[in-house]
Amino acid sequence: MDELYEISAVVERDSDEPWIVSVQTWASDETEVFIAWDPVVESVHIELKRGGTPFFVSEREVVGDIRVQKIDKVTQFIIHPHRSNFLERIVINIGTHVEVYDSSLIG
């Protein structure tokens, strides 16, 4: 997750559980994005806020991989479940605003 240091974000490790990585970043419309990943228990917590008020919260278990990439002015987080179909994923695009795509919610 060295890519995290190339984006505009606050990256922290939990002092009691240093394997847990949390990322806090913002879209241009001031939507706050918070992602915490625990690779030991393979879980991720995603929270979006406006004005300090959460409007989207998601927890996922069995997370095997999180990738971060910068495409033009958009930061993209791609979250893949462990040992599953590579097409199953959560994609969070952070740019002018935030877009969340979760393939498990599409029928």
Protein backbone atom coordinates (compact mmCIF):
# COMPACT_ATOMS: atom_id res chain seq x y z
CA MET A 1 0.00 0.00 0.00
CA ASP A 2 2.90 2.33 -0.69
CA GLU A 3 0.64 4.01 -3.28
CA LEU A 4 -1.20 5.67 -0.39
CA TYR A 5 1.66 8.07 0.14
CA GLU A 6 1.33 9.32 -3.45
CA ILE A 7 -2.23 10.58 -2.99
CA SER A 8 -3.59 13.45 -0.93
CA ALA A 9 -4.68 11.55 2.17
CA VAL A 10 -4.05 11.06 5.87
CA VAL A 11 -2.62 7.56 6.34
CA GLU A 12 -2.30 6.12 9.84
CA ARG A 13 -1.49 2.84 11.53
CA ASP A 14 -3.21 1.86 14.78
CA SER A 15 -0.73 2.13 17.68
CA ASP A 16 -2.13 -0.98 19.40
CA GLU A 17 -2.61 -2.98 16.20
CA PRO A 18 -0.01 -1.62 13.73
CA TRP A 19 -1.14 -3.92 10.91
CA ILE A 20 -4.42 -1.95 10.66
CA VAL A 21 -4.14 0.84 8.07
CA SER A 22 -6.63 3.70 7.92
CA VAL A 23 -6.93 6.27 5.16
CA GLN A 24 -8.85 9.53 5.29
CA THR A 25 -9.26 11.66 2.18
CA TRP A 26 -11.73 14.12 0.66
CA ALA A 27 -13.44 14.70 -2.66
CA SER A 28 -13.61 18.21 -4.13
CA ASP A 29 -17.21 18.51 -2.89
CA GLU A 30 -15.83 17.98 0.68
CA THR A 31 -17.21 14.46 1.03
CA GLU A 32 -14.95 12.69 3.52
CA VAL A 33 -13.86 9.12 2.78
CA PHE A 34 -12.55 6.91 5.58
CA ILE A 35 -11.26 3.39 4.89
CA ALA A 36 -9.76 1.08 7.54
CA TRP A 37 -8.23 -2.23 6.48
CA ASP A 38 -7.28 -5.05 8.82
CA PRO A 39 -5.34 -7.64 6.78
CA VAL A 40 -5.04 -10.00 9.77
CA VAL A 41 -8.80 -10.60 10.04
CA GLU A 42 -9.28 -9.70 6.34
CA SER A 43 -11.85 -6.95 6.89
CA VAL A 44 -12.45 -3.43 5.63
CA HIS A 45 -14.58 -0.59 7.01
CA ILE A 46 -15.73 2.13 4.59
CA GLU A 47 -17.41 5.33 5.71
CA LEU A 48 -18.49 8.40 3.72
CA LYS A 49 -19.43 11.64 5.50
CA ARG A 50 -20.79 15.07 4.58
CA GLY A 51 -20.47 17.80 7.15
CA GLY A 52 -19.30 15.22 9.69
CA THR A 53 -22.47 13.14 9.27
CA PRO A 54 -22.10 9.58 7.90
CA PHE A 55 -24.33 8.84 4.91
CA PHE A 56 -22.75 5.56 3.78
CA VAL A 57 -21.15 2.88 5.96
CA SER A 58 -20.09 -0.55 4.76
CA GLU A 59 -18.23 -3.43 6.41
CA ARG A 60 -16.77 -6.30 4.43
CA GLU A 61 -15.14 -9.48 5.64
CA VAL A 62 -12.75 -11.78 3.77
CA VAL A 63 -10.94 -8.91 2.03
CA GLY A 64 -7.79 -10.13 0.35
CA ASP A 65 -6.46 -7.11 -1.50
CA ILE A 66 -6.85 -3.34 -1.70
CA ARG A 67 -5.29 -1.46 -4.59
CA VAL A 68 -4.95 2.28 -4.96
CA GLN A 69 -4.37 4.13 -8.18
CA LYS A 70 -4.50 7.70 -9.42
CA ILE A 71 -6.17 8.27 -12.79
CA ASP A 72 -5.98 11.93 -13.81
CA LYS A 73 -7.65 13.77 -10.91
CA VAL A 74 -9.44 10.70 -9.52
CA THR A 75 -8.09 8.48 -6.75
CA GLN A 76 -9.45 4.95 -7.04
CA PHE A 77 -9.58 2.28 -4.32
CA ILE A 78 -10.29 -1.25 -5.57
CA ILE A 79 -11.18 -3.77 -2.87
CA HIS A 80 -11.14 -7.47 -3.79
CA PRO A 81 -12.48 -10.31 -1.66
CA HIS A 82 -10.02 -13.05 -0.74
CA ARG A 83 -9.99 -16.17 -2.94
CA SER A 84 -12.91 -15.18 -5.14
CA ASN A 85 -13.84 -14.23 -8.65
CA PHE A 86 -11.61 -11.31 -9.69
CA LEU A 87 -14.69 -9.53 -11.07
CA GLU A 88 -16.22 -9.30 -7.59
CA ARG A 89 -15.07 -6.02 -6.06
CA ILE A 90 -15.83 -2.67 -4.48
CA VAL A 91 -14.55 0.36 -6.36
CA ILE A 92 -14.43 3.81 -4.75
CA ASN A 93 -13.68 6.74 -7.05
CA ILE A 94 -12.73 9.99 -5.32
CA GLY A 95 -12.51 13.13 -7.45
CA THR A 96 -14.99 15.96 -7.83
CA HIS A 97 -17.38 13.76 -5.84
CA VAL A 98 -17.37 10.16 -4.56
CA GLU A 99 -18.73 7.17 -6.49
CA VAL A 100 -19.03 3.69 -4.96
CA TYR A 101 -19.54 0.57 -7.05
CA ASP A 102 -20.14 -2.72 -5.21
CA SER A 103 -20.53 -5.72 -7.52
CA SER A 104 -22.16 -7.76 -4.71
CA LEU A 105 -25.15 -5.37 -4.78
CA ILE A 106 -25.79 -5.83 -8.49
CA GLY A 107 -28.07 -8.72 -9.44
